[in-house]
Amino acid sequence: MAVKGGARVGTPERPLRILMMIHRQADHSPYCFYVHEQAKALRGRGHDVTVISCVGVMPMMRRLRPAQADVARRTPARADVDGIPVYYPRCLTMGNAGERVLGGVPMALAALPQAMRLDREKRFDIVHAHMLPRDGHAGLLVAKALRVPLALTVHGTDVLQYFLPGRVPWPRNVRIAREADALMAVSSLLLGRVAPYRGGGKITRVVQNGVDLSLIPEQHANRPRAVLSVGTLKPRKCMDRTLEAFARLAGEYPDATLTLVGMGEMQAQLCARVRELGLESRVTLTGAMAHGEVLRRMAQSDLFVLPSWGEGYGIVYIEAMAAGCIAVGAQNEGIEDTIADGVNGFLVPAGDTDAVERVMRDVFEHRDAYAALRARGERDARLLTWERNAEQTEAVYREAIGAYAKKR
């Protein structure tokens, strides 16, 4: 490996040594499913990928945060996942107040000893952190210690909660956005929020997430008037609005069904409303469901409806489209990069029950008329593979490594 001025220089001819950083998430994946899919695709391109996924711990955690305590209890110190070494150092977590004061310092302190040891064994070319506030800060500190560039990907809540229109973001978050050698956003919406703080000449790109086509059932049996919605059962997902829209049509279309997949704070409220409407035989709340089963349900459904707000992108939409569903998302959200209203899916105002009802009614009544739209949506979604994501991410890595070497 060539070294110039203390910087590691990558060349297009050789694989890269990549350190990924993302906090351990409770999403039934080894650490974070979309980061793992990217890591696998990069490994498939011949790169050496290592992941450090810090696990948050705190005093009295079992009593205060039992779900998080269970994640920490069952997470090993190290695992090999699909050929990717993953390290799980424990770090102190103190909630939003602690994050505001310390940012990613606890995470960096937990990750750095492992990162330094691995770097001595075989030097890293780049650190790639996912999510801006804590992970981005920790990644910046680790990258500086290793003397390598930092690539940062923003995904949604890390931008939508901290980079609000008309408000000045926390100074530290601005510094992270500015100092990252390369910043990638999974949608134009997110890029538009962060890019103004980057300054001119910075590497700033949209790199959309992907879908694993190997998991999508080959044979679609999209049952007419079968509606599916998948997400956390919380207000911004607007599943209550989807339920109300469906209820308005249920009497006219006795074969129509609605399935709501997910868990969350609105579960009891939604169940009560289904009983109140007398739709227990037509509306199913499944609770949490394995990813493979979700994809199977998508391939059996006619419409995927999630008119939610605060969506940085939404992999679930492109999974549904790839499985042959007609997808309904919200206007002015990240999924506008993929869904063109009336062309390959539908966009409605977020949480607009009347608009959702209109789309449902139109598709219920004229399903065959939307065969071309459905096919276009499936084709467009199937172009968004993790292999494509990895190819674009690698190009950003190499550009950042080259620019970093010139600065040293």
Protein backbone atom coordinates (compact mmCIF):
# COMPACT_ATOMS: atom_id res chain seq x y z
CA MET A 1 0.00 0.00 0.00
CA ALA A 2 1.35 3.37 -0.98
CA VAL A 3 1.75 5.98 1.75
CA LYS A 4 2.04 9.68 0.96
CA GLY A 5 2.42 12.26 3.71
CA GLY A 6 1.03 9.78 6.24
CA ALA A 7 -2.15 9.12 4.19
CA ARG A 8 -3.17 5.78 2.75
CA VAL A 9 -3.65 6.09 -1.02
CA GLY A 10 -6.19 3.86 -2.74
CA THR A 11 -5.93 2.92 -6.40
CA PRO A 12 -8.71 1.60 -8.62
CA GLU A 13 -6.78 -1.63 -9.16
CA ARG A 14 -6.84 -2.91 -5.60
CA PRO A 15 -9.55 -3.70 -3.05
CA LEU A 16 -10.11 -1.30 -0.19
CA ARG A 17 -9.95 -1.91 3.54
CA ILE A 18 -13.14 -0.38 5.00
CA LEU A 19 -14.18 0.21 8.60
CA MET A 20 -17.93 0.69 8.94
CA MET A 21 -19.47 2.17 12.07
CA ILE A 22 -23.13 2.05 13.12
CA HIS A 23 -24.69 1.65 16.56
CA ARG A 24 -26.38 -1.66 17.30
CA GLN A 25 -30.04 -1.40 16.34
CA ALA A 26 -32.87 -3.58 17.57
CA ASP A 27 -34.16 -4.41 14.09
CA HIS A 28 -33.73 -8.20 14.18
CA SER A 29 -30.54 -7.93 12.09
CA PRO A 30 -26.92 -8.44 13.16
CA TYR A 31 -26.55 -4.66 13.72
CA CYS A 32 -28.57 -2.69 11.13
CA PHE A 33 -30.04 -4.49 8.15
CA TYR A 34 -29.46 -1.85 5.45
CA VAL A 35 -25.85 -1.27 6.54
CA HIS A 36 -25.27 -5.02 6.52
CA GLU A 37 -26.71 -5.31 3.02
CA GLN A 38 -24.29 -2.63 1.84
CA ALA A 39 -21.39 -4.30 3.63
CA LYS A 40 -22.21 -7.63 1.96
CA ALA A 41 -22.39 -6.00 -1.47
CA LEU A 42 -19.05 -4.25 -0.94
CA ARG A 43 -17.53 -7.55 0.16
CA GLY A 44 -18.98 -9.08 -3.01
CA ARG A 45 -16.95 -6.53 -4.97
CA GLY A 46 -13.80 -7.84 -3.32
CA HIS A 47 -13.36 -5.26 -0.55
CA ASP A 48 -12.26 -6.03 3.00
CA VAL A 49 -15.09 -4.78 5.23
CA THR A 50 -15.05 -4.73 9.03
CA VAL A 51 -17.93 -3.41 11.16
CA ILE A 52 -17.80 -1.89 14.63
CA SER A 53 -21.29 -1.65 16.07
CA CYS A 54 -21.35 -0.12 19.54
CA VAL A 55 -23.94 -1.48 21.96
CA GLY A 56 -25.41 1.11 24.31
CA VAL A 57 -25.47 0.30 28.02
CA MET A 58 -26.40 2.34 31.08
CA PRO A 59 -26.94 1.92 34.85
CA MET A 60 -30.27 0.30 35.79
CA MET A 61 -30.80 -0.45 32.12
CA ARG A 62 -32.85 -3.59 32.72
CA ARG A 63 -35.41 -1.54 34.63
CA LEU A 64 -35.32 1.67 32.59
CA ARG A 65 -34.95 0.25 29.08
CA PRO A 66 -35.75 -3.47 29.17
CA ALA A 67 -35.85 -3.93 25.38
CA GLN A 68 -32.46 -2.28 24.93
CA ALA A 69 -31.09 -4.30 27.85
CA ASP A 70 -32.23 -7.49 26.13
CA VAL A 71 -30.43 -6.47 22.92
CA ALA A 72 -27.23 -5.84 24.90
CA ARG A 73 -27.58 -9.14 26.78
CA ARG A 74 -27.86 -11.28 23.66
CA THR A 75 -25.24 -9.46 21.58
CA PRO A 76 -21.79 -11.13 21.62
CA ALA A 77 -18.49 -9.27 21.74
CA ARG A 78 -17.67 -10.41 18.21
CA ALA A 79 -19.34 -12.33 15.39
CA ASP A 80 -18.68 -13.29 11.79
CA VAL A 81 -21.81 -12.49 9.80
CA ASP A 82 -21.89 -13.55 6.15
CA GLY A 83 -18.09 -13.47 6.15
CA ILE A 84 -17.93 -9.97 7.66
CA PRO A 85 -16.24 -9.57 11.06
CA VAL A 86 -18.46 -7.53 13.38
CA TYR A 87 -17.28 -6.15 16.74
CA TYR A 88 -19.71 -5.05 19.46
CA PRO A 89 -17.94 -2.91 22.07
CA ARG A 90 -20.18 -1.62 24.88
CA CYS A 91 -20.52 2.13 25.25
CA LEU A 92 -22.30 4.37 27.71
CA THR A 93 -25.62 5.74 26.49
CA MET A 94 -27.37 8.61 28.28
CA GLY A 95 -30.31 9.43 26.05
CA ASN A 96 -30.95 12.66 24.20
CA ALA A 97 -29.55 14.92 26.92
CA GLY A 98 -26.30 12.97 27.03
CA GLU A 99 -26.10 12.98 23.25
CA ARG A 100 -26.45 16.75 23.15
CA VAL A 101 -23.56 17.18 25.59
CA LEU A 102 -21.20 14.41 24.51
CA GLY A 103 -22.31 13.44 21.01
CA GLY A 104 -20.36 10.42 19.82
CA VAL A 105 -17.52 10.66 22.35
CA PRO A 106 -18.64 7.58 24.38
CA MET A 107 -19.01 5.62 21.15
CA ALA A 108 -15.60 6.72 19.90
CA LEU A 109 -13.95 5.81 23.22
CA ALA A 110 -15.52 2.35 23.03
CA ALA A 111 -14.67 1.77 19.36
CA LEU A 112 -11.20 3.27 19.13
CA PRO A 113 -9.15 0.56 20.93
CA GLN A 114 -10.60 -2.11 18.62
CA ALA A 115 -10.18 0.09 15.55
CA MET A 116 -6.54 0.84 16.42
CA ARG A 117 -5.74 -2.83 16.97
CA LEU A 118 -7.32 -3.82 13.65
CA ASP A 119 -5.55 -0.96 11.88
CA ARG A 120 -2.18 -2.15 13.17
CA GLU A 121 -2.89 -5.60 11.77
CA LYS A 122 -3.92 -4.25 8.37
CA ARG A 123 -4.35 -0.57 7.77
CA PHE A 124 -7.74 0.86 6.87
CA ASP A 125 -8.25 3.04 3.81
CA ILE A 126 -11.44 4.74 4.99
CA VAL A 127 -13.96 4.91 7.83
CA HIS A 128 -17.61 4.86 6.78
CA ALA A 129 -20.06 5.99 9.49
CA HIS A 130 -23.82 5.69 9.14
CA MET A 131 -26.15 8.23 10.81
CA LEU A 132 -24.93 11.72 11.56
CA PRO A 133 -25.19 12.86 15.21
CA ARG A 134 -23.56 10.16 17.36
CA ASP A 135 -22.18 7.72 14.82
CA GLY A 136 -20.97 10.49 12.55
CA HIS A 137 -19.21 12.22 15.43
CA ALA A 138 -17.67 8.95 16.61
CA GLY A 139 -16.63 8.12 13.05
CA LEU A 140 -15.00 11.53 12.65
CA LEU A 141 -12.98 11.05 15.84
CA VAL A 142 -11.93 7.52 14.88
CA ALA A 143 -11.02 8.53 11.31
CA LYS A 144 -8.83 11.36 12.63
CA ALA A 145 -7.08 8.98 15.02
CA LEU A 146 -6.43 6.51 12.19
CA ARG A 147 -5.48 9.33 9.80
CA VAL A 148 -7.89 8.22 7.10
CA PRO A 149 -10.84 9.96 5.40
CA LEU A 150 -14.37 9.74 6.73
CA ALA A 151 -17.34 8.87 4.54
CA LEU A 152 -20.68 9.56 6.18
CA THR A 153 -24.12 8.36 5.07
CA VAL A 154 -27.26 10.08 6.37
CA HIS A 155 -30.45 8.02 6.34
CA GLY A 156 -33.43 9.96 7.66
CA THR A 157 -34.15 10.78 11.28
CA ASP A 158 -30.51 11.83 11.75
CA VAL A 159 -31.24 14.70 9.36
CA LEU A 160 -34.99 15.28 9.67
CA GLN A 161 -34.75 15.73 13.46
CA TYR A 162 -31.62 17.87 13.51
CA PHE A 163 -31.57 19.86 10.26
CA LEU A 164 -34.96 21.57 10.37
CA PRO A 165 -36.00 24.27 7.91
CA GLY A 166 -35.70 27.70 9.47
CA ARG A 167 -33.61 26.51 12.40
CA VAL A 168 -29.86 26.48 12.91
CA PRO A 169 -28.61 22.94 13.64
CA TRP A 170 -26.42 22.17 16.63
CA PRO A 171 -22.90 23.47 15.94
CA ARG A 172 -21.38 20.03 16.41
CA ASN A 173 -23.73 18.50 13.82
CA VAL A 174 -22.80 21.25 11.37
CA ARG A 175 -19.13 20.54 12.01
CA ILE A 176 -19.62 16.82 11.38
CA ALA A 177 -21.46 17.51 8.12
CA ARG A 178 -18.76 19.96 7.04
CA GLU A 179 -15.70 17.94 8.04
CA ALA A 180 -16.74 14.56 6.61
CA ASP A 181 -14.51 13.96 3.59
CA ALA A 182 -17.50 12.55 1.70
CA LEU A 183 -21.17 12.77 2.55
CA MET A 184 -23.75 10.46 1.03
CA ALA A 185 -27.52 10.80 1.48
CA VAL A 186 -30.03 8.11 0.61
CA SER A 187 -32.37 10.69 -0.97
CA SER A 188 -32.40 14.14 -2.51
CA LEU A 189 -34.61 15.33 0.34
CA LEU A 190 -31.90 14.58 2.89
CA LEU A 191 -29.12 15.91 0.71
CA GLY A 192 -30.97 19.19 0.34
CA ARG A 193 -31.10 19.60 4.12
CA VAL A 194 -27.40 18.93 4.75
CA ALA A 195 -25.62 20.13 1.58
CA PRO A 196 -25.87 23.86 2.43
CA TYR A 197 -23.65 23.23 5.45
CA ARG A 198 -21.00 21.37 3.47
CA GLY A 199 -19.40 24.26 1.63
CA GLY A 200 -18.23 24.30 -1.98
CA GLY A 201 -16.05 21.61 -3.48
CA LYS A 202 -17.02 18.92 -0.97
CA ILE A 203 -17.86 15.38 -2.11
CA THR A 204 -21.63 15.21 -1.63
CA ARG A 205 -23.76 12.57 -3.37
CA VAL A 206 -27.14 10.84 -3.36
CA VAL A 207 -26.60 7.08 -3.11
CA GLN A 208 -29.94 5.32 -2.82
CA ASN A 209 -30.43 2.21 -0.75
CA GLY A 210 -31.17 -1.05 -2.47
CA VAL A 211 -33.26 -4.17 -2.44
CA ASP A 212 -32.01 -7.76 -2.22
CA LEU A 213 -33.66 -9.33 -5.24
CA SER A 214 -32.66 -12.82 -4.13
CA LEU A 215 -35.19 -12.53 -1.29
CA ILE A 216 -38.11 -11.40 -3.45
CA PRO A 217 -40.41 -14.32 -4.35
CA GLU A 218 -40.13 -15.10 -8.04
CA GLN A 219 -43.79 -15.96 -8.47
CA HIS A 220 -46.05 -13.02 -7.65
CA ALA A 221 -49.62 -13.78 -6.70
CA ASN A 222 -50.78 -10.21 -6.08
CA ARG A 223 -54.31 -10.84 -4.87
CA PRO A 224 -56.81 -8.23 -6.06
CA ARG A 225 -57.83 -5.71 -3.38
CA ALA A 226 -55.35 -7.02 -0.83
CA VAL A 227 -53.81 -3.96 0.86
CA LEU A 228 -50.62 -4.12 2.93
CA SER A 229 -48.89 -1.58 5.16
CA VAL A 230 -45.58 -2.22 6.95
CA GLY A 231 -43.90 -0.04 9.56
CA THR A 232 -43.66 0.88 13.20
CA LEU A 233 -47.09 1.54 14.63
CA LYS A 234 -46.58 5.18 15.49
CA PRO A 235 -48.40 8.35 14.39
CA ARG A 236 -46.06 9.46 11.61
CA LYS A 237 -46.58 6.18 9.74
CA CYS A 238 -50.27 7.13 9.36
CA MET A 239 -51.56 3.56 9.55
CA ASP A 240 -54.66 4.88 11.32
CA ARG A 241 -55.37 6.99 8.21
CA THR A 242 -54.87 3.97 5.97
CA LEU A 243 -57.31 2.02 8.14
CA GLU A 244 -59.93 4.77 7.92
CA ALA A 245 -59.58 4.97 4.14
CA PHE A 246 -59.99 1.21 3.86
CA ALA A 247 -63.04 1.22 6.16
CA ARG A 248 -64.82 3.65 3.86
CA LEU A 249 -64.53 1.15 1.00
CA ALA A 250 -65.01 -2.10 2.88
CA GLY A 251 -68.76 -2.23 2.34
CA GLU A 252 -68.45 -1.71 -1.41
CA TYR A 253 -65.71 -4.31 -1.89
CA PRO A 254 -66.40 -7.31 0.36
CA ASP A 255 -63.36 -9.20 -0.93
CA ALA A 256 -60.93 -6.40 0.05
CA THR A 257 -58.54 -7.00 2.96
CA LEU A 258 -56.02 -4.90 4.89
CA THR A 259 -52.94 -6.20 6.67
CA LEU A 260 -50.94 -3.99 9.03
CA VAL A 261 -47.48 -5.32 9.88
CA GLY A 262 -45.45 -3.93 12.76
CA MET A 263 -45.44 -3.12 16.44
CA GLY A 264 -45.53 0.15 18.34
CA GLU A 265 -47.37 2.57 20.55
CA MET A 266 -50.53 2.67 18.42
CA GLN A 267 -51.17 -1.08 18.42
CA ALA A 268 -53.91 -1.04 21.09
CA GLN A 269 -55.57 1.99 19.49
CA LEU A 270 -55.62 0.36 16.05
CA CYS A 271 -56.95 -2.93 17.40
CA ALA A 272 -59.74 -1.10 19.22
CA ARG A 273 -60.66 0.83 16.08
CA VAL A 274 -60.81 -2.37 14.00
CA ARG A 275 -63.25 -3.85 16.55
CA GLU A 276 -65.28 -0.64 16.57
CA LEU A 277 -65.58 -0.78 12.79
CA GLY A 278 -66.54 -4.45 12.87
CA LEU A 279 -63.71 -5.36 10.50
CA GLU A 280 -62.00 -8.10 12.52
CA SER A 281 -62.42 -10.59 9.64
CA ARG A 282 -61.05 -8.14 7.06
CA VAL A 283 -58.24 -6.29 8.85
CA THR A 284 -55.28 -8.13 10.37
CA LEU A 285 -52.62 -6.70 12.67
CA THR A 286 -49.77 -9.20 12.56
CA GLY A 287 -47.32 -7.63 15.00
CA ALA A 288 -43.62 -7.99 14.24
CA MET A 289 -42.77 -10.25 11.32
CA ALA A 290 -39.57 -11.74 9.92
CA HIS A 291 -38.23 -9.95 6.84
CA GLY A 292 -38.69 -12.94 4.57
CA GLU A 293 -42.33 -13.26 5.59
CA VAL A 294 -42.90 -9.55 4.97
CA LEU A 295 -41.58 -9.95 1.43
CA ARG A 296 -43.82 -12.96 0.90
CA ARG A 297 -46.83 -10.92 2.04
CA MET A 298 -45.83 -8.17 -0.37
CA ALA A 299 -45.80 -10.63 -3.26
CA GLN A 300 -49.34 -11.66 -2.27
CA SER A 301 -50.71 -8.12 -2.01
CA ASP A 302 -52.18 -5.75 -4.56
CA LEU A 303 -51.44 -2.38 -2.95
CA PHE A 304 -48.76 -1.25 -0.53
CA VAL A 305 -49.93 1.87 1.31
CA LEU A 306 -47.74 3.95 3.63
CA PRO A 307 -48.57 7.68 3.36
CA SER A 308 -46.18 8.56 6.18
CA TRP A 309 -44.23 11.72 6.89
CA GLY A 310 -40.64 12.03 8.07
CA GLU A 311 -39.37 9.38 5.63
CA GLY A 312 -35.77 9.94 4.59
CA TYR A 313 -36.25 7.32 1.90
CA GLY A 314 -38.01 4.05 2.75
CA ILE A 315 -36.57 0.73 1.56
CA VAL A 316 -39.93 -0.87 2.28
CA TYR A 317 -41.50 0.94 -0.71
CA ILE A 318 -39.00 -0.39 -3.22
CA GLU A 319 -39.24 -3.89 -1.73
CA ALA A 320 -43.00 -3.77 -2.23
CA MET A 321 -42.65 -2.47 -5.79
CA ALA A 322 -40.08 -5.16 -6.61
CA ALA A 323 -42.56 -7.75 -5.33
CA GLY A 324 -45.23 -6.51 -7.73
CA CYS A 325 -47.23 -4.20 -5.44
CA ILE A 326 -48.48 -0.83 -6.49
CA ALA A 327 -46.90 1.45 -3.89
CA VAL A 328 -48.55 4.52 -2.36
CA GLY A 329 -46.19 6.94 -0.60
CA ALA A 330 -46.31 10.55 0.52
CA GLN A 331 -45.46 13.69 -1.39
CA ASN A 332 -42.41 15.73 -0.40
CA GLU A 333 -40.70 12.74 1.22
CA GLY A 334 -37.54 10.86 0.25
CA ILE A 335 -39.37 8.23 -1.77
CA GLU A 336 -40.11 10.90 -4.41
CA ASP A 337 -36.70 10.00 -5.82
CA THR A 338 -38.19 6.67 -6.91
CA ILE A 339 -41.98 6.96 -7.12
CA ALA A 340 -43.32 9.16 -9.90
CA ASP A 341 -47.02 9.79 -9.24
CA GLY A 342 -49.22 8.00 -11.76
CA VAL A 343 -46.21 6.57 -13.60
CA ASN A 344 -44.83 3.77 -11.40
CA GLY A 345 -46.86 4.29 -8.22
CA PHE A 346 -48.80 6.97 -6.39
CA LEU A 347 -47.92 9.91 -4.15
CA VAL A 348 -50.49 11.54 -1.87
CA PRO A 349 -50.28 14.26 0.77
CA ALA A 350 -48.91 12.68 3.94
CA GLY A 351 -51.68 11.29 6.13
CA ASP A 352 -54.46 12.40 3.76
CA THR A 353 -57.25 9.88 4.27
CA ASP A 354 -59.34 11.20 1.38
CA ALA A 355 -56.42 10.91 -1.06
CA VAL A 356 -55.61 7.37 0.09
CA GLU A 357 -59.27 6.42 -0.32
CA ARG A 358 -59.27 7.78 -3.88
CA VAL A 359 -56.23 5.74 -4.87
CA MET A 360 -57.58 2.58 -3.26
CA ARG A 361 -60.96 3.00 -4.95
CA ASP A 362 -59.40 3.62 -8.35
CA VAL A 363 -57.15 0.56 -8.15
CA PHE A 364 -59.93 -1.62 -6.70
CA GLU A 365 -62.28 -0.60 -9.51
CA HIS A 366 -59.85 -0.52 -12.45
CA ARG A 367 -57.07 -2.94 -11.48
CA ASP A 368 -56.31 -4.08 -15.03
CA ALA A 369 -55.87 -0.48 -16.18
CA TYR A 370 -52.85 -0.19 -13.89
CA ALA A 371 -50.99 -3.26 -15.17
CA ALA A 372 -48.45 -1.11 -17.00
CA LEU A 373 -47.94 1.13 -13.95
CA ARG A 374 -47.42 -1.94 -11.75
CA ALA A 375 -44.89 -3.39 -14.20
CA ARG A 376 -43.06 -0.07 -14.46
CA GLY A 377 -42.84 0.13 -10.67
CA GLU A 378 -41.46 -3.39 -10.43
CA ARG A 379 -38.88 -2.71 -13.14
CA ASP A 380 -37.75 0.59 -11.61
CA ALA A 381 -37.42 -0.91 -8.13
CA ARG A 382 -35.42 -3.86 -9.40
CA LEU A 383 -32.79 -1.49 -10.76
CA LEU A 384 -32.08 -0.34 -7.19
CA THR A 385 -29.96 -3.28 -6.10
CA TRP A 386 -27.40 -3.36 -3.31
CA GLU A 387 -24.81 -4.18 -5.96
CA ARG A 388 -25.59 -0.83 -7.62
CA ASN A 389 -25.39 0.87 -4.24
CA ALA A 390 -21.99 -0.70 -3.56
CA GLU A 391 -20.64 0.35 -6.95
CA GLN A 392 -21.64 3.96 -6.33
CA THR A 393 -20.35 3.87 -2.75
CA GLU A 394 -16.99 2.52 -3.90
CA ALA A 395 -16.69 5.38 -6.38
CA VAL A 396 -17.26 7.86 -3.55
CA TYR A 397 -14.69 6.08 -1.38
CA ARG A 398 -12.02 6.29 -4.07
CA GLU A 399 -12.74 9.95 -4.74
CA ALA A 400 -12.53 10.73 -1.01
CA ILE A 401 -9.30 8.76 -0.57
CA GLY A 402 -7.72 10.56 -3.51
CA ALA A 403 -8.79 13.99 -2.25
CA TYR A 404 -7.57 13.17 1.26
CA ALA A 405 -4.17 12.14 -0.03
CA LYS A 406 -3.79 15.45 -1.86
CA LYS A 407 -4.48 17.36 1.37
CA ARG A 408 -1.81 15.54 3.37
